[in-house]
PDB file of N, CA and C in Angstrom:
ATOM      1  N   MET A   1     -10.749 -66.683  52.150  1.00  0.00           N
ATOM      2  CA  MET A   1     -12.055 -66.664  51.490  1.00  0.00           C
ATOM      3  C   MET A   1     -12.068 -65.501  50.496  1.00  0.00           C
ATOM      4  N   HIS A   2     -12.590 -65.762  49.320  1.00  0.00           N
ATOM      5  CA  HIS A   2     -12.737 -64.751  48.274  1.00  0.00           C
ATOM      6  C   HIS A   2     -14.229 -64.508  48.089  1.00  0.00           C
ATOM      7  N   GLU A   3     -14.589 -63.266  47.842  1.00  0.00           N
ATOM      8  CA  GLU A   3     -16.016 -62.993  47.650  1.00  0.00           C
ATOM      9  C   GLU A   3     -16.237 -61.816  46.716  1.00  0.00           C
ATOM     10  N   THR A   4     -17.415 -61.815  46.140  1.00  0.00           N
ATOM     11  CA  THR A   4     -17.863 -60.707  45.309  1.00  0.00           C
ATOM     12  C   THR A   4     -19.358 -60.535  45.524  1.00  0.00           C
ATOM     13  N   GLU A   5     -19.802 -59.332  45.302  1.00  0.00           N
ATOM     14  CA  GLU A   5     -21.227 -59.034  45.427  1.00  0.00           C
ATOM     15  C   GLU A   5     -21.609 -58.117  44.281  1.00  0.00           C
ATOM     16  N   PHE A   6     -22.737 -58.396  43.678  1.00  0.00           N
ATOM     17  CA  PHE A   6     -23.232 -57.478  42.663  1.00  0.00           C
ATOM     18  C   PHE A   6     -24.708 -57.229  42.878  1.00  0.00           C
ATOM     19  N   SER A   7     -25.122 -56.034  42.483  1.00  0.00           N
ATOM     20  CA  SER A   7     -26.518 -55.612  42.615  1.00  0.00           C
ATOM     21  C   SER A   7     -27.073 -55.320  41.243  1.00  0.00           C
ATOM     22  N   LEU A   8     -28.291 -55.758  41.019  1.00  0.00           N
ATOM     23  CA  LEU A   8     -28.979 -55.503  39.760  1.00  0.00           C
ATOM     24  C   LEU A   8     -30.253 -54.743  40.081  1.00  0.00           C
ATOM     25  N   TRP A   9     -30.520 -53.707  39.318  1.00  0.00           N
ATOM     26  CA  TRP A   9     -31.709 -52.876  39.523  1.00  0.00           C
ATOM     27  C   TRP A   9     -32.669 -53.095  38.367  1.00  0.00           C
ATOM     28  N   TYR A  10     -33.948 -53.217  38.692  1.00  0.00           N
ATOM     29  CA  TYR A  10     -34.973 -53.458  37.686  1.00  0.00           C
ATOM     30  C   TYR A  10     -35.983 -52.321  37.693  1.00  0.00           C
ATOM     31  N   PRO A  11     -36.704 -52.125  36.588  1.00  0.00           N
ATOM     32  CA  PRO A  11     -37.643 -51.006  36.502  1.00  0.00           C
ATOM     33  C   PRO A  11     -38.827 -51.121  37.458  1.00  0.00           C
ATOM     34  N   ALA A  12     -39.131 -52.334  37.898  1.00  0.00           N
ATOM     35  CA  ALA A  12     -40.267 -52.535  38.808  1.00  0.00           C
ATOM     36  C   ALA A  12     -39.931 -53.644  39.800  1.00  0.00           C
ATOM     37  N   ALA A  13     -40.512 -53.538  40.990  1.00  0.00           N
ATOM     38  CA  ALA A  13     -40.285 -54.548  42.027  1.00  0.00           C
ATOM     39  C   ALA A  13     -40.777 -55.921  41.578  1.00  0.00           C
ATOM     40  N   LYS A  14     -41.867 -55.947  40.796  1.00  0.00           N
ATOM     41  CA  LYS A  14     -42.389 -57.246  40.351  1.00  0.00           C
ATOM     42  C   LYS A  14     -41.414 -57.930  39.386  1.00  0.00           C
ATOM     43  N   THR A  15     -40.683 -57.149  38.610  1.00  0.00           N
ATOM     44  CA  THR A  15     -39.674 -57.730  37.721  1.00  0.00           C
ATOM     45  C   THR A  15     -38.551 -58.344  38.542  1.00  0.00           C
ATOM     46  N   ALA A  16     -38.074 -57.610  39.533  1.00  0.00           N
ATOM     47  CA  ALA A  16     -37.018 -58.129  40.408  1.00  0.00           C
ATOM     48  C   ALA A  16     -37.482 -59.395  41.118  1.00  0.00           C
ATOM     49  N   ALA A  17     -38.740 -59.417  41.536  1.00  0.00           N
ATOM     50  CA  ALA A  17     -39.286 -60.592  42.223  1.00  0.00           C
ATOM     51  C   ALA A  17     -39.328 -61.802  41.289  1.00  0.00           C
ATOM     52  N   ARG A  18     -39.685 -61.585  40.020  1.00  0.00           N
ATOM     53  CA  ARG A  18     -39.723 -62.703  39.069  1.00  0.00           C
ATOM     54  C   ARG A  18     -38.317 -63.252  38.805  1.00  0.00           C
ATOM     55  N   ILE A  19     -37.344 -62.352  38.677  1.00  0.00           N
ATOM     56  CA  ILE A  19     -35.968 -62.797  38.446  1.00  0.00           C
ATOM     57  C   ILE A  19     -35.467 -63.566  39.666  1.00  0.00           C
ATOM     58  N   GLU A  20     -35.744 -63.041  40.851  1.00  0.00           N
ATOM     59  CA  GLU A  20     -35.352 -63.730  42.085  1.00  0.00           C
ATOM     60  C   GLU A  20     -35.987 -65.121  42.145  1.00  0.00           C
ATOM     61  N   ALA A  21     -37.269 -65.206  41.849  1.00  0.00           N
ATOM     62  CA  ALA A  21     -37.973 -66.491  41.898  1.00  0.00           C
ATOM     63  C   ALA A  21     -37.398 -67.486  40.891  1.00  0.00           C
ATOM     64  N   ALA A  22     -36.908 -66.976  39.775  1.00  0.00           N
ATOM     65  CA  ALA A  22     -36.358 -67.856  38.745  1.00  0.00           C
ATOM     66  C   ALA A  22     -34.996 -68.425  39.134  1.00  0.00           C
ATOM     67  N   VAL A  23     -34.156 -67.626  39.787  1.00  0.00           N
ATOM     68  CA  VAL A  23     -32.792 -68.087  40.061  1.00  0.00           C
ATOM     69  C   VAL A  23     -32.573 -68.594  41.486  1.00  0.00           C
ATOM     70  N   GLU A  24     -33.378 -68.164  42.430  1.00  0.00           N
ATOM     71  CA  GLU A  24     -33.154 -68.518  43.837  1.00  0.00           C
ATOM     72  C   GLU A  24     -33.162 -70.021  44.105  1.00  0.00           C
ATOM     73  N   PRO A  25     -34.039 -70.805  43.471  1.00  0.00           N
ATOM     74  CA  PRO A  25     -34.006 -72.257  43.725  1.00  0.00           C
ATOM     75  C   PRO A  25     -32.665 -72.904  43.370  1.00  0.00           C
ATOM     76  N   GLU A  26     -31.936 -72.289  42.455  1.00  0.00           N
ATOM     77  CA  GLU A  26     -30.643 -72.842  42.053  1.00  0.00           C
ATOM     78  C   GLU A  26     -29.577 -72.647  43.122  1.00  0.00           C
ATOM     79  N   ALA A  27     -29.790 -71.728  44.058  1.00  0.00           N
ATOM     80  CA  ALA A  27     -28.777 -71.422  45.073  1.00  0.00           C
ATOM     81  C   ALA A  27     -28.389 -72.670  45.860  1.00  0.00           C
ATOM     82  N   GLY A  28     -29.353 -73.469  46.242  1.00  0.00           N
ATOM     83  CA  GLY A  28     -29.054 -74.685  46.985  1.00  0.00           C
ATOM     84  C   GLY A  28     -28.516 -75.805  46.117  1.00  0.00           C
ATOM     85  N   ASP A  29     -28.925 -75.815  44.857  1.00  0.00           N
ATOM     86  CA  ASP A  29     -28.522 -76.896  43.961  1.00  0.00           C
ATOM     87  C   ASP A  29     -27.115 -76.718  43.401  1.00  0.00           C
ATOM     88  N   ILE A  30     -26.734 -75.468  43.131  1.00  0.00           N
ATOM     89  CA  ILE A  30     -25.459 -75.216  42.469  1.00  0.00           C
ATOM     90  C   ILE A  30     -24.311 -75.070  43.459  1.00  0.00           C
ATOM     91  N   ALA A  31     -24.585 -74.550  44.630  1.00  0.00           N
ATOM     92  CA  ALA A  31     -23.514 -74.342  45.607  1.00  0.00           C
ATOM     93  C   ALA A  31     -22.785 -75.659  45.853  1.00  0.00           C
ATOM     94  N   GLY A  32     -21.469 -75.571  45.899  1.00  0.00           N
ATOM     95  CA  GLY A  32     -20.675 -76.775  46.098  1.00  0.00           C
ATOM     96  C   GLY A  32     -19.729 -76.620  47.270  1.00  0.00           C
ATOM     97  N   ASP A  33     -18.702 -77.437  47.280  1.00  0.00           N
ATOM     98  CA  ASP A  33     -17.721 -77.395  48.355  1.00  0.00           C
ATOM     99  C   ASP A  33     -16.884 -76.121  48.320  1.00  0.00           C
ATOM    100  N   ARG A  34     -16.711 -75.555  47.132  1.00  0.00           N
ATOM    101  CA  ARG A  34     -15.816 -74.408  46.993  1.00  0.00           C
ATOM    102  C   ARG A  34     -16.541 -73.076  46.874  1.00  0.00           C
ATOM    103  N   THR A  35     -17.853 -73.094  46.650  1.00  0.00           N
ATOM    104  CA  THR A  35     -18.587 -71.856  46.392  1.00  0.00           C
ATOM    105  C   THR A  35     -19.935 -71.870  47.101  1.00  0.00           C
ATOM    106  N   THR A  36     -20.311 -70.719  47.659  1.00  0.00           N
ATOM    107  CA  THR A  36     -21.658 -70.534  48.203  1.00  0.00           C
ATOM    108  C   THR A  36     -22.210 -69.228  47.664  1.00  0.00           C
ATOM    109  N   VAL A  37     -23.530 -69.122  47.645  1.00  0.00           N
ATOM    110  CA  VAL A  37     -24.168 -67.915  47.131  1.00  0.00           C
ATOM    111  C   VAL A  37     -25.344 -67.553  48.020  1.00  0.00           C
ATOM    112  N   SER A  38     -25.584 -66.258  48.147  1.00  0.00           N
ATOM    113  CA  SER A  38     -26.812 -65.799  48.801  1.00  0.00           C
ATOM    114  C   SER A  38     -27.458 -64.766  47.893  1.00  0.00           C
ATOM    115  N   ILE A  39     -28.779 -64.835  47.817  1.00  0.00           N
ATOM    116  CA  ILE A  39     -29.551 -63.940  46.961  1.00  0.00           C
ATOM    117  C   ILE A  39     -30.567 -63.227  47.832  1.00  0.00           C
ATOM    118  N   ASN A  40     -30.583 -61.908  47.739  1.00  0.00           N
ATOM    119  CA  ASN A  40     -31.522 -61.093  48.509  1.00  0.00           C
ATOM    120  C   ASN A  40     -32.140 -60.047  47.600  1.00  0.00           C
ATOM    121  N   ARG A  41     -33.385 -59.699  47.887  1.00  0.00           N
ATOM    122  CA  ARG A  41     -34.065 -58.675  47.096  1.00  0.00           C
ATOM    123  C   ARG A  41     -34.685 -57.648  48.022  1.00  0.00           C
ATOM    124  N   SER A  42     -34.580 -56.402  47.607  1.00  0.00           N
ATOM    125  CA  SER A  42     -35.232 -55.299  48.297  1.00  0.00           C
ATOM    126  C   SER A  42     -35.887 -54.431  47.231  1.00  0.00           C
ATOM    127  N   GLU A  43     -37.199 -54.542  47.139  1.00  0.00           N
ATOM    128  CA  GLU A  43     -37.954 -53.807  46.112  1.00  0.00           C
ATOM    129  C   GLU A  43     -37.402 -54.117  44.722  1.00  0.00           C
ATOM    130  N   ARG A  44     -36.763 -53.128  44.079  1.00  0.00           N
ATOM    131  CA  ARG A  44     -36.301 -53.280  42.690  1.00  0.00           C
ATOM    132  C   ARG A  44     -34.858 -53.773  42.577  1.00  0.00           C
ATOM    133  N   GLU A  45     -34.191 -53.975  43.701  1.00  0.00           N
ATOM    134  CA  GLU A  45     -32.781 -54.371  43.689  1.00  0.00           C
ATOM    135  C   GLU A  45     -32.628 -55.850  44.044  1.00  0.00           C
ATOM    136  N   LEU A  46     -31.846 -56.540  43.235  1.00  0.00           N
ATOM    137  CA  LEU A  46     -31.506 -57.933  43.497  1.00  0.00           C
ATOM    138  C   LEU A  46     -30.013 -57.977  43.808  1.00  0.00           C
ATOM    139  N   GLN A  47     -29.658 -58.517  44.964  1.00  0.00           N
ATOM    140  CA  GLN A  47     -28.261 -58.601  45.383  1.00  0.00           C
ATOM    141  C   GLN A  47     -27.827 -60.060  45.387  1.00  0.00           C
ATOM    142  N   VAL A  48     -26.680 -60.303  44.783  1.00  0.00           N
ATOM    143  CA  VAL A  48     -26.117 -61.647  44.736  1.00  0.00           C
ATOM    144  C   VAL A  48     -24.717 -61.580  45.339  1.00  0.00           C
ATOM    145  N   GLU A  49     -24.480 -62.388  46.355  1.00  0.00           N
ATOM    146  CA  GLU A  49     -23.167 -62.450  47.002  1.00  0.00           C
ATOM    147  C   GLU A  49     -22.613 -63.855  46.822  1.00  0.00           C
ATOM    148  N   ILE A  50     -21.411 -63.916  46.279  1.00  0.00           N
ATOM    149  CA  ILE A  50     -20.758 -65.195  46.020  1.00  0.00           C
ATOM    150  C   ILE A  50     -19.501 -65.270  46.874  1.00  0.00           C
ATOM    151  N   GLN A  51     -19.334 -66.365  47.577  1.00  0.00           N
ATOM    152  CA  GLN A  51     -18.129 -66.619  48.361  1.00  0.00           C
ATOM    153  C   GLN A  51     -17.499 -67.898  47.835  1.00  0.00           C
ATOM    154  N   ALA A  52     -16.175 -67.857  47.716  1.00  0.00           N
ATOM    155  CA  ALA A  52     -15.473 -69.019  47.182  1.00  0.00           C
ATOM    156  C   ALA A  52     -14.152 -69.222  47.915  1.00  0.00           C
ATOM    157  N   SER A  53     -13.680 -70.443  47.886  1.00  0.00           N
ATOM    158  CA  SER A  53     -12.440 -70.777  48.579  1.00  0.00           C
ATOM    159  C   SER A  53     -11.199 -70.344  47.813  1.00  0.00           C
ATOM    160  N   ASP A  54     -11.340 -70.096  46.508  1.00  0.00           N
ATOM    161  CA  ASP A  54     -10.183 -69.696  45.705  1.00  0.00           C
ATOM    162  C   ASP A  54     -10.647 -68.846  44.526  1.00  0.00           C
ATOM    163  N   PRO A  55      -9.727 -68.109  43.890  1.00  0.00           N
ATOM    164  CA  PRO A  55     -10.107 -67.216  42.787  1.00  0.00           C
ATOM    165  C   PRO A  55     -10.738 -67.931  41.589  1.00  0.00           C
ATOM    166  N   VAL A  56     -10.298 -69.137  41.294  1.00  0.00           N
ATOM    167  CA  VAL A  56     -10.862 -69.873  40.155  1.00  0.00           C
ATOM    168  C   VAL A  56     -12.329 -70.204  40.419  1.00  0.00           C
ATOM    169  N   ALA A  57     -12.631 -70.655  41.625  1.00  0.00           N
ATOM    170  CA  ALA A  57     -14.017 -70.964  41.986  1.00  0.00           C
ATOM    171  C   ALA A  57     -14.867 -69.701  41.996  1.00  0.00           C
ATOM    172  N   LEU A  58     -14.281 -68.583  42.418  1.00  0.00           N
ATOM    173  CA  LEU A  58     -15.017 -67.317  42.424  1.00  0.00           C
ATOM    174  C   LEU A  58     -15.385 -66.905  41.000  1.00  0.00           C
ATOM    175  N   ARG A  59     -14.431 -67.000  40.088  1.00  0.00           N
ATOM    176  CA  ARG A  59     -14.703 -66.656  38.686  1.00  0.00           C
ATOM    177  C   ARG A  59     -15.777 -67.568  38.108  1.00  0.00           C
ATOM    178  N   ALA A  60     -15.685 -68.852  38.397  1.00  0.00           N
ATOM    179  CA  ALA A  60     -16.694 -69.794  37.902  1.00  0.00           C
ATOM    180  C   ALA A  60     -18.066 -69.466  38.481  1.00  0.00           C
ATOM    181  N   GLY A  61     -18.110 -69.118  39.759  1.00  0.00           N
ATOM    182  CA  GLY A  61     -19.374 -68.740  40.384  1.00  0.00           C
ATOM    183  C   GLY A  61     -19.973 -67.493  39.767  1.00  0.00           C
ATOM    184  N   GLN A  62     -19.131 -66.505  39.514  1.00  0.00           N
ATOM    185  CA  GLN A  62     -19.620 -65.276  38.869  1.00  0.00           C
ATOM    186  C   GLN A  62     -20.200 -65.592  37.500  1.00  0.00           C
ATOM    187  N   ASN A  63     -19.471 -66.366  36.716  1.00  0.00           N
ATOM    188  CA  ASN A  63     -19.953 -66.715  35.376  1.00  0.00           C
ATOM    189  C   ASN A  63     -21.272 -67.474  35.442  1.00  0.00           C
ATOM    190  N   THR A  64     -21.369 -68.398  36.368  1.00  0.00           N
ATOM    191  CA  THR A  64     -22.594 -69.188  36.516  1.00  0.00           C
ATOM    192  C   THR A  64     -23.779 -68.300  36.846  1.00  0.00           C
ATOM    193  N   TRP A  65     -23.643 -67.464  37.873  1.00  0.00           N
ATOM    194  CA  TRP A  65     -24.781 -66.670  38.340  1.00  0.00           C
ATOM    195  C   TRP A  65     -25.140 -65.544  37.390  1.00  0.00           C
ATOM    196  N   LEU A  66     -24.146 -64.922  36.777  1.00  0.00           N
ATOM    197  CA  LEU A  66     -24.476 -63.894  35.785  1.00  0.00           C
ATOM    198  C   LEU A  66     -25.171 -64.530  34.582  1.00  0.00           C
ATOM    199  N   GLY A  67     -24.755 -65.731  34.209  1.00  0.00           N
ATOM    200  CA  GLY A  67     -25.416 -66.437  33.110  1.00  0.00           C
ATOM    201  C   GLY A  67     -26.851 -66.818  33.445  1.00  0.00           C
ATOM    202  N   LEU A  68     -27.070 -67.333  34.652  1.00  0.00           N
ATOM    203  CA  LEU A  68     -28.432 -67.684  35.073  1.00  0.00           C
ATOM    204  C   LEU A  68     -29.340 -66.461  35.091  1.00  0.00           C
ATOM    205  N   ILE A  69     -28.822 -65.361  35.592  1.00  0.00           N
ATOM    206  CA  ILE A  69     -29.621 -64.133  35.652  1.00  0.00           C
ATOM    207  C   ILE A  69     -29.898 -63.610  34.251  1.00  0.00           C
ATOM    208  N   GLU A  70     -28.915 -63.699  33.370  1.00  0.00           N
ATOM    209  CA  GLU A  70     -29.118 -63.254  31.987  1.00  0.00           C
ATOM    210  C   GLU A  70     -30.242 -64.049  31.318  1.00  0.00           C
ATOM    211  N   VAL A  71     -30.259 -65.353  31.515  1.00  0.00           N
ATOM    212  CA  VAL A  71     -31.320 -66.191  30.944  1.00  0.00           C
ATOM    213  C   VAL A  71     -32.668 -65.834  31.565  1.00  0.00           C
ATOM    214  N   ALA A  72     -32.706 -65.647  32.885  1.00  0.00           N
ATOM    215  CA  ALA A  72     -33.959 -65.283  33.557  1.00  0.00           C
ATOM    216  C   ALA A  72     -34.487 -63.950  33.036  1.00  0.00           C
ATOM    217  N   GLU A  73     -33.596 -62.984  32.828  1.00  0.00           N
ATOM    218  CA  GLU A  73     -34.015 -61.684  32.298  1.00  0.00           C
ATOM    219  C   GLU A  73     -34.553 -61.815  30.878  1.00  0.00           C
ATOM    220  N   ALA A  74     -33.898 -62.632  30.064  1.00  0.00           N
ATOM    221  CA  ALA A  74     -34.362 -62.830  28.687  1.00  0.00           C
ATOM    222  C   ALA A  74     -35.745 -63.478  28.672  1.00  0.00           C
ATOM    223  N   MET A  75     -35.949 -64.484  29.499  1.00  0.00           N
ATOM    224  CA  MET A  75     -37.251 -65.150  29.558  1.00  0.00           C
ATOM    225  C   MET A  75     -38.324 -64.212  30.104  1.00  0.00           C
ATOM    226  N   ASP A  76     -37.961 -63.389  31.070  1.00  0.00           N
ATOM    227  CA  ASP A  76     -38.911 -62.427  31.614  1.00  0.00           C
ATOM    228  C   ASP A  76     -39.317 -61.419  30.539  1.00  0.00           C
ATOM    229  N   SER A  77     -38.363 -60.993  29.746  1.00  0.00           N
ATOM    230  CA  SER A  77     -38.647 -60.049  28.663  1.00  0.00           C
ATOM    231  C   SER A  77     -39.579 -60.677  27.625  1.00  0.00           C
ATOM    232  N   ILE A  78     -39.339 -61.927  27.295  1.00  0.00           N
ATOM    233  CA  ILE A  78     -40.215 -62.624  26.354  1.00  0.00           C
ATOM    234  C   ILE A  78     -41.617 -62.739  26.941  1.00  0.00           C
ATOM    235  N   GLY A  79     -41.696 -63.087  28.211  1.00  0.00           N
ATOM    236  CA  GLY A  79     -42.994 -63.198  28.881  1.00  0.00           C
ATOM    237  C   GLY A  79     -43.739 -61.883  28.906  1.00  0.00           C
ATOM    238  N   GLU A  80     -43.033 -60.794  29.157  1.00  0.00           N
ATOM    239  CA  GLU A  80     -43.656 -59.467  29.158  1.00  0.00           C
ATOM    240  C   GLU A  80     -44.193 -59.135  27.765  1.00  0.00           C
ATOM    241  N   GLY A  81     -43.407 -59.445  26.737  1.00  0.00           N
ATOM    242  CA  GLY A  81     -43.857 -59.190  25.372  1.00  0.00           C
ATOM    243  C   GLY A  81     -45.073 -60.017  25.010  1.00  0.00           C
ATOM    244  N   PHE A  82     -45.087 -61.268  25.433  1.00  0.00           N
ATOM    245  CA  PHE A  82     -46.218 -62.141  25.173  1.00  0.00           C
ATOM    246  C   PHE A  82     -47.464 -61.628  25.889  1.00  0.00           C
ATOM    247  N   ALA A  83     -47.306 -61.220  27.145  1.00  0.00           N
ATOM    248  CA  ALA A  83     -48.444 -60.694  27.911  1.00  0.00           C
ATOM    249  C   ALA A  83     -49.008 -59.445  27.251  1.00  0.00           C
ATOM    250  N   ALA A  84     -48.136 -58.613  26.696  1.00  0.00           N
ATOM    251  CA  ALA A  84     -48.594 -57.388  26.038  1.00  0.00           C
ATOM    252  C   ALA A  84     -49.428 -57.710  24.799  1.00  0.00           C
ATOM    253  N   THR A  85     -49.077 -58.771  24.070  1.00  0.00           N
ATOM    254  CA  THR A  85     -49.858 -59.115  22.875  1.00  0.00           C
ATOM    255  C   THR A  85     -51.218 -59.690  23.254  1.00  0.00           C
ATOM    256  N   ILE A  86     -51.288 -60.381  24.374  1.00  0.00           N
ATOM    257  CA  ILE A  86     -52.568 -60.944  24.826  1.00  0.00           C
ATOM    258  C   ILE A  86     -53.515 -59.835  25.282  1.00  0.00           C
ATOM    259  N   GLU A  87     -52.969 -58.796  25.886  1.00  0.00           N
ATOM    260  CA  GLU A  87     -53.791 -57.713  26.427  1.00  0.00           C
ATOM    261  C   GLU A  87     -54.430 -56.856  25.342  1.00  0.00           C
ATOM    262  N   ARG A  88     -53.930 -56.954  24.130  1.00  0.00           N
ATOM    263  CA  ARG A  88     -54.479 -56.118  23.054  1.00  0.00           C
ATOM    264  C   ARG A  88     -55.848 -56.544  22.656  1.00  0.00           C
TER     265      ARG A  88
END
């Protein structure tokens, strides 16, 4: 079994919670025969653990989850900017 774990830190717990909420539903949908993922959050930290049966599947899993998180962060940033313009 091959595995990797990465932690992401956010400026606020609510930001981490939004990112978790955006990507967590994909955990059950994307996991396949060769790869599994677990996502956990503690306050401002989001932890993603990927387990795979081989190095190729592990690399693919890393690319998938880092890409999903990158998109979630970008959308969260856009949402924050939009909310700031409404509050003015």
